[in-house]
């Protein structure tokens, strides 16, 4: 099989983004939030669980602790009780309180608007920071690569990175910056609707003619493991 040139791969990546925008439009966040603080906490809580599950617990969470100052003074055990339906709720409750304490101590109770400052917060990695910067502040510094985005990028042959975090650099290299902001939400929608981890619906996929893994979803993942 002829090796794909970098130019051809970049052109394919751009076409993928255009088709996703045409299909899903300007997708808002699936998480309910009304401030940078509520978004930051919600995204942190969403790791290893669904946005729907997070949306079920955040109304009570933010009713009891509406801002960083209140959450910073919260008892971790009480936070655990509120979010116990989420996966890893012990560590998430601890991180939520520690995050709020850091916001109060280091940033005057305000959510910072830079990648460096956000990732200095407990429980906040680059993926979470990318989402907060994009959705709360309109700042696009990267692409939030979760499991859905990573799976699709791998199947499209855009990355062979061993983890979602490592895959971001490959996507940033292929996709022009003006298209970065829409990738996370639109590719997540595709992952849930058409391209799940098991039994992807290749015949129904709008990217089937652009996907080298169509009909063979584990093609690139197998290569990564060698």
N, C-alpha and C. Protein backbone atom coordinates (compact mmCIF):
# COMPACT_ATOMS: atom_id res chain seq x y z
N UNK A 1 0.84 -1.19 0.00
CA UNK A 1 0.00 0.00 0.00
C UNK A 1 0.88 1.25 0.00
N UNK A 2 0.56 2.19 -0.84
CA UNK A 2 1.33 3.42 -0.95
C UNK A 2 1.19 4.24 0.33
N UNK A 3 2.33 4.69 0.83
CA UNK A 3 2.30 5.50 2.05
C UNK A 3 1.69 6.86 1.76
N UNK A 4 0.82 7.31 2.63
CA UNK A 4 0.15 8.59 2.46
C UNK A 4 1.10 9.73 2.79
N UNK A 5 1.14 10.74 1.93
CA UNK A 5 2.01 11.88 2.19
C UNK A 5 1.42 12.75 3.29
N UNK A 6 2.28 13.54 3.90
CA UNK A 6 1.82 14.45 4.96
C UNK A 6 0.79 15.44 4.40
N UNK A 7 1.00 15.91 3.20
CA UNK A 7 0.06 16.85 2.59
C UNK A 7 -1.30 16.20 2.39
N UNK A 8 -1.30 14.97 1.89
CA UNK A 8 -2.56 14.28 1.66
C UNK A 8 -3.28 14.00 2.97
N UNK A 9 -2.53 13.63 3.99
CA UNK A 9 -3.14 13.36 5.30
C UNK A 9 -3.74 14.63 5.88
N UNK A 10 -3.03 15.75 5.72
CA UNK A 10 -3.55 17.02 6.23
C UNK A 10 -4.83 17.41 5.49
N UNK A 11 -4.85 17.21 4.19
CA UNK A 11 -6.05 17.53 3.41
C UNK A 11 -7.23 16.66 3.84
N UNK A 12 -6.95 15.40 4.12
CA UNK A 12 -8.00 14.49 4.59
C UNK A 12 -8.51 14.92 5.96
N UNK A 13 -7.60 15.34 6.84
CA UNK A 13 -8.00 15.80 8.18
C UNK A 13 -8.88 17.04 8.09
N UNK A 14 -8.54 17.95 7.21
CA UNK A 14 -9.34 19.16 7.03
C UNK A 14 -10.74 18.81 6.52
N UNK A 15 -10.81 17.88 5.58
CA UNK A 15 -12.11 17.46 5.06
C UNK A 15 -12.94 16.79 6.14
N UNK A 16 -12.30 16.00 6.99
CA UNK A 16 -13.01 15.39 8.11
C UNK A 16 -13.64 16.47 8.99
N UNK A 17 -12.88 17.49 9.33
CA UNK A 17 -13.40 18.57 10.19
C UNK A 17 -14.56 19.29 9.53
N UNK A 18 -14.44 19.56 8.23
CA UNK A 18 -15.53 20.24 7.52
C UNK A 18 -16.80 19.40 7.54
N UNK A 19 -16.66 18.11 7.31
CA UNK A 19 -17.84 17.24 7.30
C UNK A 19 -18.47 17.14 8.68
N UNK A 20 -17.65 17.13 9.71
CA UNK A 20 -18.19 17.08 11.06
C UNK A 20 -18.94 18.37 11.40
N UNK A 21 -18.42 19.49 10.96
CA UNK A 21 -19.10 20.76 11.20
C UNK A 21 -20.42 20.82 10.44
N UNK A 22 -20.42 20.29 9.21
CA UNK A 22 -21.65 20.27 8.42
C UNK A 22 -22.70 19.37 9.07
N UNK A 23 -22.26 18.26 9.63
CA UNK A 23 -23.20 17.31 10.22
C UNK A 23 -23.74 17.79 11.55
N UNK A 24 -22.88 18.32 12.40
CA UNK A 24 -23.28 18.63 13.78
C UNK A 24 -23.39 20.12 14.07
N UNK A 25 -22.87 20.96 13.20
CA UNK A 25 -22.96 22.39 13.41
C UNK A 25 -22.08 22.87 14.55
N UNK A 26 -22.44 24.03 15.11
CA UNK A 26 -21.69 24.62 16.22
C UNK A 26 -22.19 23.97 17.50
N UNK A 27 -21.50 22.90 17.91
CA UNK A 27 -21.96 22.10 19.04
C UNK A 27 -21.58 22.75 20.36
N UNK A 28 -22.56 22.92 21.23
CA UNK A 28 -22.27 23.43 22.56
C UNK A 28 -21.80 22.31 23.47
N UNK A 29 -21.49 22.65 24.68
CA UNK A 29 -21.02 21.65 25.64
C UNK A 29 -22.17 20.75 26.09
N UNK A 30 -21.89 19.47 26.24
CA UNK A 30 -22.88 18.53 26.76
C UNK A 30 -22.99 18.64 28.28
N UNK A 31 -22.06 19.34 28.90
CA UNK A 31 -22.09 19.56 30.34
C UNK A 31 -22.85 20.85 30.65
N UNK A 32 -23.66 20.81 31.70
CA UNK A 32 -24.38 22.01 32.13
C UNK A 32 -23.45 22.87 32.99
N UNK A 33 -23.34 24.15 32.65
CA UNK A 33 -22.52 25.07 33.44
C UNK A 33 -23.00 26.50 33.20
N UNK A 34 -22.69 27.39 34.14
CA UNK A 34 -23.07 28.79 33.98
C UNK A 34 -21.94 29.75 34.32
N UNK A 35 -20.73 29.20 34.53
CA UNK A 35 -19.58 30.04 34.85
C UNK A 35 -18.32 29.23 34.61
N UNK A 36 -17.17 29.90 34.51
CA UNK A 36 -15.91 29.14 34.40
C UNK A 36 -15.71 28.16 35.54
N UNK A 37 -16.13 28.55 36.75
CA UNK A 37 -15.99 27.67 37.92
C UNK A 37 -16.81 26.40 37.77
N UNK A 38 -18.09 26.55 37.43
CA UNK A 38 -18.93 25.36 37.31
C UNK A 38 -18.49 24.49 36.14
N UNK A 39 -18.00 25.09 35.07
CA UNK A 39 -17.48 24.29 33.95
C UNK A 39 -16.23 23.54 34.36
N UNK A 40 -15.31 24.21 35.04
CA UNK A 40 -14.07 23.57 35.45
C UNK A 40 -14.33 22.35 36.32
N UNK A 41 -15.19 22.51 37.31
CA UNK A 41 -15.49 21.39 38.21
C UNK A 41 -16.22 20.28 37.46
N UNK A 42 -17.16 20.63 36.60
CA UNK A 42 -17.92 19.63 35.86
C UNK A 42 -17.01 18.82 34.94
N UNK A 43 -16.09 19.49 34.25
CA UNK A 43 -15.19 18.77 33.35
C UNK A 43 -14.27 17.85 34.16
N UNK A 44 -13.78 18.33 35.29
CA UNK A 44 -12.94 17.49 36.13
C UNK A 44 -13.69 16.25 36.58
N UNK A 45 -14.97 16.41 36.93
CA UNK A 45 -15.77 15.29 37.39
C UNK A 45 -16.12 14.31 36.27
N UNK A 46 -16.05 14.77 35.01
CA UNK A 46 -16.52 13.94 33.88
C UNK A 46 -15.53 12.85 33.46
N UNK A 47 -14.34 12.84 34.03
CA UNK A 47 -13.37 11.80 33.68
C UNK A 47 -13.91 10.42 34.04
N UNK A 48 -13.80 9.48 33.10
CA UNK A 48 -14.22 8.10 33.32
C UNK A 48 -15.71 7.96 33.65
N UNK A 49 -16.52 8.90 33.19
CA UNK A 49 -17.97 8.78 33.37
C UNK A 49 -18.64 9.58 32.26
N UNK A 50 -19.95 9.59 32.23
CA UNK A 50 -20.66 10.28 31.16
C UNK A 50 -21.04 11.70 31.58
N UNK A 51 -21.19 12.57 30.57
CA UNK A 51 -21.65 13.93 30.85
C UNK A 51 -23.03 13.92 31.49
N UNK A 52 -23.88 12.99 31.05
CA UNK A 52 -25.22 12.90 31.63
C UNK A 52 -25.17 12.61 33.12
N UNK A 53 -24.27 11.72 33.51
CA UNK A 53 -24.14 11.40 34.94
C UNK A 53 -23.66 12.61 35.73
N UNK A 54 -22.73 13.37 35.15
CA UNK A 54 -22.23 14.57 35.83
C UNK A 54 -23.36 15.59 35.97
N UNK A 55 -24.16 15.77 34.92
CA UNK A 55 -25.25 16.73 34.97
C UNK A 55 -26.30 16.39 36.02
N UNK A 56 -26.35 15.13 36.43
CA UNK A 56 -27.31 14.72 37.46
C UNK A 56 -26.86 15.14 38.86
N UNK A 57 -25.54 15.23 39.06
CA UNK A 57 -25.05 15.55 40.41
C UNK A 57 -24.69 17.02 40.59
N UNK A 58 -24.40 17.73 39.51
CA UNK A 58 -23.93 19.11 39.68
C UNK A 58 -24.98 20.09 40.20
N UNK A 59 -26.29 19.91 39.93
CA UNK A 59 -27.24 20.87 40.53
C UNK A 59 -27.14 20.91 42.05
N UNK A 60 -27.11 19.74 42.70
CA UNK A 60 -26.98 19.75 44.16
C UNK A 60 -25.59 20.22 44.58
N UNK A 61 -24.57 19.78 43.84
CA UNK A 61 -23.20 20.17 44.18
C UNK A 61 -23.06 21.69 44.20
N UNK A 62 -23.53 22.36 43.16
CA UNK A 62 -23.35 23.81 43.06
C UNK A 62 -24.39 24.57 43.87
N UNK A 63 -25.47 23.91 44.23
CA UNK A 63 -26.42 24.54 45.15
C UNK A 63 -25.82 24.62 46.54
N UNK A 64 -25.10 23.57 46.96
CA UNK A 64 -24.50 23.56 48.29
C UNK A 64 -23.20 24.34 48.34
N UNK A 65 -22.45 24.31 47.25
CA UNK A 65 -21.15 25.00 47.20
C UNK A 65 -21.08 25.81 45.90
N UNK A 66 -21.73 26.97 45.88
CA UNK A 66 -21.91 27.73 44.63
C UNK A 66 -20.66 28.40 44.07
N UNK A 67 -19.62 28.49 44.87
CA UNK A 67 -18.41 29.13 44.39
C UNK A 67 -17.17 28.49 44.98
N UNK A 68 -16.00 28.88 44.50
CA UNK A 68 -14.75 28.30 45.01
C UNK A 68 -14.58 28.45 46.52
N UNK A 69 -14.98 29.58 47.10
CA UNK A 69 -14.80 29.78 48.54
C UNK A 69 -15.61 28.77 49.34
N UNK A 70 -16.84 28.51 48.91
CA UNK A 70 -17.69 27.56 49.62
C UNK A 70 -17.15 26.13 49.47
N UNK A 71 -16.74 25.77 48.25
CA UNK A 71 -16.24 24.41 48.02
C UNK A 71 -14.89 24.20 48.71
N UNK A 72 -14.09 25.26 48.80
CA UNK A 72 -12.79 25.15 49.48
C UNK A 72 -12.95 24.79 50.95
N UNK A 73 -14.08 25.20 51.54
CA UNK A 73 -14.32 24.94 52.96
C UNK A 73 -15.15 23.68 53.20
N UNK A 74 -15.50 22.98 52.12
CA UNK A 74 -16.37 21.83 52.23
C UNK A 74 -15.66 20.63 52.85
N UNK A 75 -16.44 19.78 53.49
CA UNK A 75 -15.94 18.51 53.98
C UNK A 75 -15.90 17.53 52.81
N UNK A 76 -14.75 16.89 52.61
CA UNK A 76 -14.60 15.98 51.46
C UNK A 76 -15.64 14.86 51.51
N UNK A 77 -15.93 14.37 52.70
CA UNK A 77 -16.92 13.31 52.84
C UNK A 77 -18.30 13.74 52.38
N UNK A 78 -18.67 15.00 52.64
CA UNK A 78 -19.96 15.49 52.18
C UNK A 78 -19.99 15.61 50.66
N UNK A 79 -18.88 16.04 50.08
CA UNK A 79 -18.80 16.12 48.61
C UNK A 79 -18.91 14.72 48.02
N UNK A 80 -18.27 13.75 48.64
CA UNK A 80 -18.37 12.36 48.19
C UNK A 80 -19.82 11.89 48.17
N UNK A 81 -20.56 12.25 49.19
CA UNK A 81 -21.96 11.83 49.27
C UNK A 81 -22.76 12.37 48.09
N UNK A 82 -22.48 13.59 47.68
CA UNK A 82 -23.21 14.22 46.58
C UNK A 82 -22.84 13.59 45.25
N UNK A 83 -21.57 13.24 45.07
CA UNK A 83 -21.12 12.75 43.75
C UNK A 83 -20.85 11.25 43.74
N UNK A 84 -21.38 10.53 44.73
CA UNK A 84 -21.02 9.11 44.89
C UNK A 84 -21.43 8.25 43.69
N UNK A 85 -22.39 8.72 42.87
CA UNK A 85 -22.81 7.95 41.70
C UNK A 85 -21.80 7.98 40.56
N UNK A 86 -20.80 8.85 40.66
CA UNK A 86 -19.78 8.96 39.63
C UNK A 86 -18.63 7.99 39.90
N UNK A 87 -17.95 7.58 38.85
CA UNK A 87 -16.78 6.74 39.03
C UNK A 87 -15.66 7.51 39.70
N UNK A 88 -14.87 6.82 40.51
CA UNK A 88 -13.72 7.41 41.20
C UNK A 88 -14.12 8.62 42.06
N UNK A 89 -15.27 8.50 42.72
CA UNK A 89 -15.80 9.67 43.44
C UNK A 89 -14.94 10.07 44.63
N UNK A 90 -14.19 9.11 45.21
CA UNK A 90 -13.32 9.47 46.33
C UNK A 90 -12.26 10.48 45.89
N UNK A 91 -11.53 10.14 44.83
CA UNK A 91 -10.47 11.03 44.36
C UNK A 91 -11.03 12.30 43.74
N UNK A 92 -12.19 12.20 43.10
CA UNK A 92 -12.78 13.39 42.48
C UNK A 92 -13.24 14.39 43.55
N UNK A 93 -13.80 13.89 44.63
CA UNK A 93 -14.21 14.79 45.72
C UNK A 93 -13.00 15.49 46.32
N UNK A 94 -11.95 14.74 46.54
CA UNK A 94 -10.73 15.34 47.10
C UNK A 94 -10.16 16.39 46.14
N UNK A 95 -10.10 16.03 44.85
CA UNK A 95 -9.57 16.99 43.88
C UNK A 95 -10.45 18.24 43.77
N UNK A 96 -11.76 18.06 43.87
CA UNK A 96 -12.66 19.21 43.77
C UNK A 96 -12.40 20.20 44.89
N UNK A 97 -12.26 19.69 46.10
CA UNK A 97 -12.00 20.57 47.25
C UNK A 97 -10.61 21.20 47.13
N UNK A 98 -9.62 20.40 46.77
CA UNK A 98 -8.25 20.93 46.61
C UNK A 98 -8.18 21.95 45.48
N UNK A 99 -8.91 21.70 44.40
CA UNK A 99 -8.96 22.65 43.29
C UNK A 99 -9.53 23.98 43.76
N UNK A 100 -10.64 23.92 44.49
CA UNK A 100 -11.27 25.15 44.99
C UNK A 100 -10.34 25.89 45.94
N UNK A 101 -9.64 25.15 46.77
CA UNK A 101 -8.69 25.78 47.69
C UNK A 101 -7.58 26.49 46.93
N UNK A 102 -7.10 25.86 45.87
CA UNK A 102 -6.05 26.48 45.05
C UNK A 102 -6.57 27.73 44.35
N UNK A 103 -7.82 27.68 43.88
CA UNK A 103 -8.41 28.86 43.24
C UNK A 103 -8.46 30.03 44.22
N UNK A 104 -8.87 29.75 45.45
CA UNK A 104 -8.97 30.80 46.47
C UNK A 104 -7.59 31.32 46.87
N UNK A 105 -6.68 30.40 47.11
CA UNK A 105 -5.36 30.77 47.61
C UNK A 105 -4.49 31.43 46.55
N UNK A 106 -4.50 30.87 45.35
CA UNK A 106 -3.56 31.31 44.32
C UNK A 106 -4.14 32.27 43.29
N UNK A 107 -5.47 32.28 43.14
CA UNK A 107 -6.05 33.07 42.05
C UNK A 107 -7.22 33.95 42.50
N UNK A 108 -7.28 34.23 43.79
CA UNK A 108 -8.30 35.14 44.29
C UNK A 108 -9.72 34.66 44.06
N UNK A 109 -9.91 33.35 43.97
CA UNK A 109 -11.24 32.80 43.77
C UNK A 109 -11.73 32.82 42.34
N UNK A 110 -10.87 33.19 41.42
CA UNK A 110 -11.23 33.24 40.00
C UNK A 110 -10.55 32.10 39.24
N UNK A 111 -11.23 31.59 38.23
CA UNK A 111 -10.63 30.56 37.37
C UNK A 111 -9.66 31.23 36.41
N UNK A 112 -8.41 30.84 36.40
CA UNK A 112 -7.44 31.47 35.51
C UNK A 112 -7.71 31.13 34.04
N UNK A 113 -7.22 31.97 33.16
CA UNK A 113 -7.50 31.80 31.73
C UNK A 113 -6.23 31.53 30.94
N UNK A 114 -5.35 30.71 31.49
CA UNK A 114 -4.16 30.30 30.74
C UNK A 114 -3.91 28.82 30.97
N UNK A 115 -3.31 28.18 29.98
CA UNK A 115 -3.02 26.76 30.06
C UNK A 115 -2.11 26.44 31.24
N UNK A 116 -1.06 27.23 31.41
CA UNK A 116 -0.10 26.98 32.47
C UNK A 116 -0.75 27.06 33.85
N UNK A 117 -1.58 28.07 34.05
CA UNK A 117 -2.21 28.24 35.36
C UNK A 117 -3.28 27.17 35.61
N UNK A 118 -4.06 26.86 34.60
CA UNK A 118 -5.09 25.85 34.78
C UNK A 118 -4.50 24.48 35.10
N UNK A 119 -3.46 24.11 34.39
CA UNK A 119 -2.87 22.78 34.62
C UNK A 119 -2.07 22.72 35.91
N UNK A 120 -1.90 23.84 36.58
CA UNK A 120 -1.26 23.82 37.90
C UNK A 120 -2.25 23.43 38.99
N UNK A 121 -3.54 23.41 38.65
CA UNK A 121 -4.58 23.10 39.63
C UNK A 121 -4.69 21.60 39.85
N UNK A 122 -5.02 21.15 41.06
CA UNK A 122 -5.17 19.72 41.34
C UNK A 122 -6.25 19.09 40.46
N UNK A 123 -5.94 17.95 39.87
CA UNK A 123 -6.91 17.21 39.07
C UNK A 123 -7.18 17.78 37.70
N UNK A 124 -6.43 18.80 37.28
CA UNK A 124 -6.66 19.44 35.98
C UNK A 124 -5.50 19.14 35.04
N UNK A 125 -5.78 18.40 33.98
CA UNK A 125 -4.79 18.12 32.96
C UNK A 125 -5.03 18.96 31.73
N UNK A 126 -4.27 18.71 30.71
CA UNK A 126 -4.36 19.53 29.50
C UNK A 126 -5.72 19.40 28.81
N UNK A 127 -6.30 18.21 28.83
CA UNK A 127 -7.61 18.03 28.19
C UNK A 127 -8.66 18.92 28.87
N UNK A 128 -8.73 18.88 30.19
CA UNK A 128 -9.67 19.71 30.93
C UNK A 128 -9.40 21.19 30.68
N UNK A 129 -8.13 21.57 30.70
CA UNK A 129 -7.77 22.97 30.48
C UNK A 129 -8.19 23.44 29.09
N UNK A 130 -8.01 22.59 28.08
CA UNK A 130 -8.42 22.95 26.73
C UNK A 130 -9.91 23.23 26.66
N UNK A 131 -10.71 22.39 27.31
CA UNK A 131 -12.16 22.57 27.27
C UNK A 131 -12.55 23.86 27.98
N UNK A 132 -11.97 24.12 29.15
CA UNK A 132 -12.31 25.33 29.91
C UNK A 132 -11.90 26.59 29.14
N UNK A 133 -10.71 26.58 28.60
CA UNK A 133 -10.27 27.74 27.82
C UNK A 133 -11.19 28.01 26.64
N UNK A 134 -11.57 26.95 25.95
CA UNK A 134 -12.41 27.09 24.76
C UNK A 134 -13.83 27.53 25.13
N UNK A 135 -14.47 26.78 26.02
CA UNK A 135 -15.89 27.02 26.30
C UNK A 135 -16.14 28.22 27.22
N UNK A 136 -15.24 28.46 28.15
CA UNK A 136 -15.47 29.55 29.12
C UNK A 136 -14.87 30.87 28.68
N UNK A 137 -13.75 30.81 27.96
CA UNK A 137 -13.04 32.05 27.63
C UNK A 137 -12.86 32.30 26.13
N UNK A 138 -13.28 31.36 25.29
CA UNK A 138 -13.12 31.53 23.85
C UNK A 138 -11.68 31.51 23.41
N UNK A 139 -10.82 30.84 24.19
CA UNK A 139 -9.40 30.73 23.87
C UNK A 139 -9.12 29.32 23.35
N UNK A 140 -8.50 29.24 22.19
CA UNK A 140 -8.22 27.94 21.60
C UNK A 140 -6.71 27.75 21.52
N UNK A 141 -6.19 26.91 22.43
CA UNK A 141 -4.75 26.64 22.45
C UNK A 141 -4.43 25.21 22.04
N UNK A 142 -5.45 24.39 21.92
CA UNK A 142 -5.21 23.00 21.56
C UNK A 142 -6.51 22.27 21.31
N UNK A 143 -6.44 20.94 21.31
CA UNK A 143 -7.60 20.08 21.10
C UNK A 143 -7.75 19.17 22.31
N UNK A 144 -8.93 19.14 22.89
CA UNK A 144 -9.18 18.25 24.02
C UNK A 144 -9.39 16.84 23.48
N UNK A 145 -8.44 15.97 23.74
CA UNK A 145 -8.49 14.60 23.21
C UNK A 145 -8.95 13.66 24.32
N UNK A 146 -10.20 13.24 24.24
CA UNK A 146 -10.71 12.24 25.17
C UNK A 146 -10.70 10.88 24.47
N UNK A 147 -11.35 9.89 25.07
CA UNK A 147 -11.30 8.55 24.48
C UNK A 147 -11.99 8.48 23.12
N UNK A 148 -13.08 9.24 22.95
CA UNK A 148 -13.77 9.25 21.66
C UNK A 148 -12.88 9.86 20.56
N UNK A 149 -12.33 11.02 20.84
CA UNK A 149 -11.48 11.70 19.86
C UNK A 149 -10.26 10.84 19.54
N UNK A 150 -9.68 10.24 20.56
CA UNK A 150 -8.51 9.37 20.36
C UNK A 150 -8.85 8.16 19.49
N UNK A 151 -9.99 7.54 19.77
CA UNK A 151 -10.40 6.37 18.99
C UNK A 151 -10.60 6.72 17.51
N UNK A 152 -11.28 7.83 17.26
CA UNK A 152 -11.55 8.24 15.89
C UNK A 152 -10.27 8.65 15.17
N UNK A 153 -9.42 9.40 15.86
CA UNK A 153 -8.15 9.83 15.27
C UNK A 153 -7.28 8.62 14.92
N UNK A 154 -7.32 7.60 15.79
CA UNK A 154 -6.54 6.39 15.52
C UNK A 154 -7.10 5.64 14.32
N UNK A 155 -8.41 5.49 14.27
CA UNK A 155 -9.03 4.77 13.15
C UNK A 155 -8.85 5.51 11.83
N UNK A 156 -8.81 6.83 11.90
CA UNK A 156 -8.57 7.61 10.68
C UNK A 156 -7.11 7.60 10.26
N UNK A 157 -6.25 7.03 11.09
CA UNK A 157 -4.83 6.99 10.76
C UNK A 157 -4.11 8.30 10.98
N UNK A 158 -4.68 9.15 11.83
CA UNK A 158 -4.07 10.45 12.10
C UNK A 158 -3.05 10.39 13.23
N UNK A 159 -3.07 9.33 14.00
CA UNK A 159 -2.12 9.18 15.10
C UNK A 159 -1.89 7.71 15.40
N UNK A 160 -0.70 7.42 15.89
CA UNK A 160 -0.39 6.10 16.44
C UNK A 160 0.13 6.26 17.87
N UNK A 161 -0.19 7.39 18.45
CA UNK A 161 0.26 7.69 19.81
C UNK A 161 -0.35 6.67 20.78
N UNK A 162 0.37 6.36 21.86
CA UNK A 162 -0.09 5.33 22.80
C UNK A 162 -1.17 5.79 23.77
N UNK A 163 -1.53 7.07 23.76
CA UNK A 163 -2.53 7.57 24.71
C UNK A 163 -3.21 8.81 24.13
N UNK A 164 -4.41 9.14 24.65
CA UNK A 164 -5.07 10.36 24.19
C UNK A 164 -4.21 11.61 24.38
N UNK A 165 -3.55 11.74 25.51
CA UNK A 165 -2.73 12.93 25.77
C UNK A 165 -1.63 13.07 24.73
N UNK A 166 -1.01 11.95 24.38
CA UNK A 166 0.09 11.99 23.42
C UNK A 166 -0.42 12.24 22.00
N UNK A 167 -1.68 11.91 21.74
CA UNK A 167 -2.23 12.06 20.38
C UNK A 167 -2.49 13.52 20.02
N UNK A 168 -2.62 14.38 21.01
CA UNK A 168 -2.96 15.77 20.71
C UNK A 168 -1.94 16.41 19.78
N UNK A 169 -0.66 16.18 20.00
CA UNK A 169 0.37 16.81 19.18
C UNK A 169 0.22 16.42 17.71
N UNK A 170 -0.14 15.16 17.45
CA UNK A 170 -0.33 14.71 16.07
C UNK A 170 -1.49 15.44 15.41
N UNK A 171 -2.58 15.63 16.15
CA UNK A 171 -3.73 16.32 15.60
C UNK A 171 -3.45 17.80 15.37
N UNK A 172 -2.74 18.41 16.29
CA UNK A 172 -2.40 19.83 16.13
C UNK A 172 -1.51 20.05 14.91
N UNK A 173 -0.70 19.05 14.60
CA UNK A 173 0.19 19.15 13.45
C UNK A 173 -0.55 19.01 12.13
N UNK A 174 -1.67 18.29 12.16
CA UNK A 174 -2.42 18.04 10.92
C UNK A 174 -3.53 19.06 10.66
N UNK A 175 -4.20 19.48 11.73
CA UNK A 175 -5.41 20.29 11.60
C UNK A 175 -5.08 21.77 11.81
N UNK A 176 -5.48 22.65 10.89
CA UNK A 176 -5.25 24.09 11.06
C UNK A 176 -5.91 24.62 12.33
N UNK A 177 -5.31 25.60 12.95
CA UNK A 177 -5.80 26.09 14.25
C UNK A 177 -7.24 26.58 14.18
N UNK A 178 -7.66 27.14 13.06
CA UNK A 178 -9.02 27.65 12.98
C UNK A 178 -10.08 26.54 13.06
N UNK A 179 -9.65 25.29 12.95
CA UNK A 179 -10.59 24.17 13.03
C UNK A 179 -10.49 23.42 14.36
N UNK A 180 -9.57 23.79 15.22
CA UNK A 180 -9.35 23.04 16.47
C UNK A 180 -10.57 23.06 17.38
N UNK A 181 -11.25 24.20 17.49
CA UNK A 181 -12.27 24.36 18.52
C UNK A 181 -13.43 23.38 18.37
N UNK A 182 -13.75 22.98 17.14
CA UNK A 182 -14.90 22.12 16.94
C UNK A 182 -14.61 20.64 17.05
N UNK A 183 -13.34 20.26 17.11
CA UNK A 183 -13.00 18.85 17.03
C UNK A 183 -13.56 18.05 18.20
N UNK A 184 -13.35 18.50 19.42
CA UNK A 184 -13.74 17.69 20.58
C UNK A 184 -15.22 17.34 20.57
N UNK A 185 -16.08 18.33 20.50
CA UNK A 185 -17.51 18.07 20.62
C UNK A 185 -18.06 17.32 19.41
N UNK A 186 -17.65 17.68 18.19
CA UNK A 186 -18.21 17.01 17.00
C UNK A 186 -17.70 15.58 16.88
N UNK A 187 -16.44 15.34 17.20
CA UNK A 187 -15.92 13.97 17.12
C UNK A 187 -16.50 13.10 18.24
N UNK A 188 -16.77 13.69 19.39
CA UNK A 188 -17.46 12.95 20.45
C UNK A 188 -18.84 12.51 19.97
N UNK A 189 -19.55 13.40 19.31
CA UNK A 189 -20.87 13.05 18.80
C UNK A 189 -20.77 11.89 17.80
N UNK A 190 -19.78 11.96 16.92
CA UNK A 190 -19.60 10.88 15.96
C UNK A 190 -19.27 9.57 16.67
N UNK A 191 -18.43 9.65 17.70
CA UNK A 191 -18.05 8.46 18.44
C UNK A 191 -19.24 7.81 19.12
N UNK A 192 -20.12 8.60 19.67
CA UNK A 192 -21.29 8.04 20.35
C UNK A 192 -22.34 7.54 19.36
N UNK A 193 -22.49 8.23 18.26
CA UNK A 193 -23.57 7.94 17.32
C UNK A 193 -23.20 6.87 16.30
N UNK A 194 -21.96 6.93 15.80
CA UNK A 194 -21.57 6.10 14.66
C UNK A 194 -20.36 5.21 14.94
N UNK A 195 -19.38 5.75 15.69
CA UNK A 195 -18.08 5.09 15.80
C UNK A 195 -17.71 4.73 17.24
N UNK A 196 -18.52 3.88 17.89
CA UNK A 196 -18.17 3.44 19.25
C UNK A 196 -16.99 2.47 19.21
N UNK A 197 -16.53 2.10 20.37
CA UNK A 197 -15.37 1.21 20.43
C UNK A 197 -15.69 -0.17 19.88
N UNK A 198 -16.94 -0.62 20.06
CA UNK A 198 -17.36 -1.91 19.55
C UNK A 198 -18.41 -1.74 18.45
N UNK A 199 -18.26 -2.48 17.38
CA UNK A 199 -19.22 -2.51 16.29
C UNK A 199 -19.54 -1.13 15.72
N UNK A 200 -18.57 -0.42 15.21
CA UNK A 200 -18.84 0.86 14.56
C UNK A 200 -19.73 0.68 13.33
N UNK A 201 -20.56 1.68 13.07
CA UNK A 201 -21.51 1.62 11.95
C UNK A 201 -20.88 2.25 10.71
N UNK A 202 -19.92 1.55 10.16
CA UNK A 202 -19.16 2.12 9.04
C UNK A 202 -20.05 2.44 7.84
N UNK A 203 -21.07 1.63 7.60
CA UNK A 203 -21.94 1.86 6.44
C UNK A 203 -22.74 3.15 6.56
N UNK A 204 -22.92 3.62 7.79
CA UNK A 204 -23.68 4.85 8.02
C UNK A 204 -22.80 6.07 8.27
N UNK A 205 -21.49 5.87 8.20
CA UNK A 205 -20.56 6.93 8.58
C UNK A 205 -20.33 7.93 7.45
N UNK A 206 -20.42 9.22 7.75
CA UNK A 206 -20.17 10.25 6.72
C UNK A 206 -18.69 10.35 6.34
N UNK A 207 -17.83 9.63 7.05
CA UNK A 207 -16.40 9.67 6.77
C UNK A 207 -15.89 8.38 6.14
N UNK A 208 -16.79 7.50 5.73
CA UNK A 208 -16.38 6.16 5.30
C UNK A 208 -15.37 6.21 4.15
N UNK A 209 -15.52 7.17 3.24
CA UNK A 209 -14.60 7.25 2.10
C UNK A 209 -13.26 7.88 2.48
N UNK A 210 -13.18 8.44 3.69
CA UNK A 210 -11.94 9.07 4.15
C UNK A 210 -11.22 8.22 5.19
N UNK A 211 -11.84 7.10 5.58
CA UNK A 211 -11.33 6.32 6.70
C UNK A 211 -10.64 5.04 6.24
N UNK A 212 -9.34 4.92 6.46
CA UNK A 212 -8.63 3.71 6.05
C UNK A 212 -8.98 2.49 6.90
N UNK A 213 -9.69 2.70 8.00
CA UNK A 213 -10.07 1.59 8.87
C UNK A 213 -11.51 1.14 8.65
N UNK A 214 -12.21 1.71 7.67
CA UNK A 214 -13.59 1.32 7.42
C UNK A 214 -13.67 -0.18 7.18
N UNK A 215 -14.51 -0.84 7.96
CA UNK A 215 -14.63 -2.28 7.86
C UNK A 215 -13.58 -3.05 8.63
N UNK A 216 -12.58 -2.33 9.14
CA UNK A 216 -11.49 -2.96 9.91
C UNK A 216 -11.07 -1.99 11.01
N UNK A 217 -11.92 -1.77 12.01
CA UNK A 217 -11.71 -0.70 12.99
C UNK A 217 -10.45 -0.83 13.83
N UNK A 218 -9.90 -2.05 13.95
CA UNK A 218 -8.71 -2.23 14.78
C UNK A 218 -7.41 -2.19 13.98
N UNK A 219 -7.51 -1.78 12.75
CA UNK A 219 -6.32 -1.81 11.87
C UNK A 219 -5.12 -1.05 12.46
N UNK A 220 -5.32 0.20 12.79
CA UNK A 220 -4.20 1.01 13.28
C UNK A 220 -3.88 0.72 14.75
N UNK A 221 -4.90 0.34 15.52
CA UNK A 221 -4.65 0.02 16.92
C UNK A 221 -3.73 -1.20 17.03
N UNK A 222 -3.92 -2.17 16.15
CA UNK A 222 -3.05 -3.35 16.16
C UNK A 222 -1.61 -2.95 15.84
N UNK A 223 -1.46 -2.05 14.91
CA UNK A 223 -0.10 -1.60 14.56
C UNK A 223 0.56 -0.90 15.73
N UNK A 224 -0.25 -0.13 16.47
CA UNK A 224 0.31 0.61 17.62
C UNK A 224 0.88 -0.33 18.66
N UNK A 225 0.31 -1.52 18.81
CA UNK A 225 0.72 -2.45 19.85
C UNK A 225 2.00 -3.20 19.49
N UNK A 226 2.45 -3.17 18.27
CA UNK A 226 3.63 -3.92 17.87
C UNK A 226 4.88 -3.36 18.49
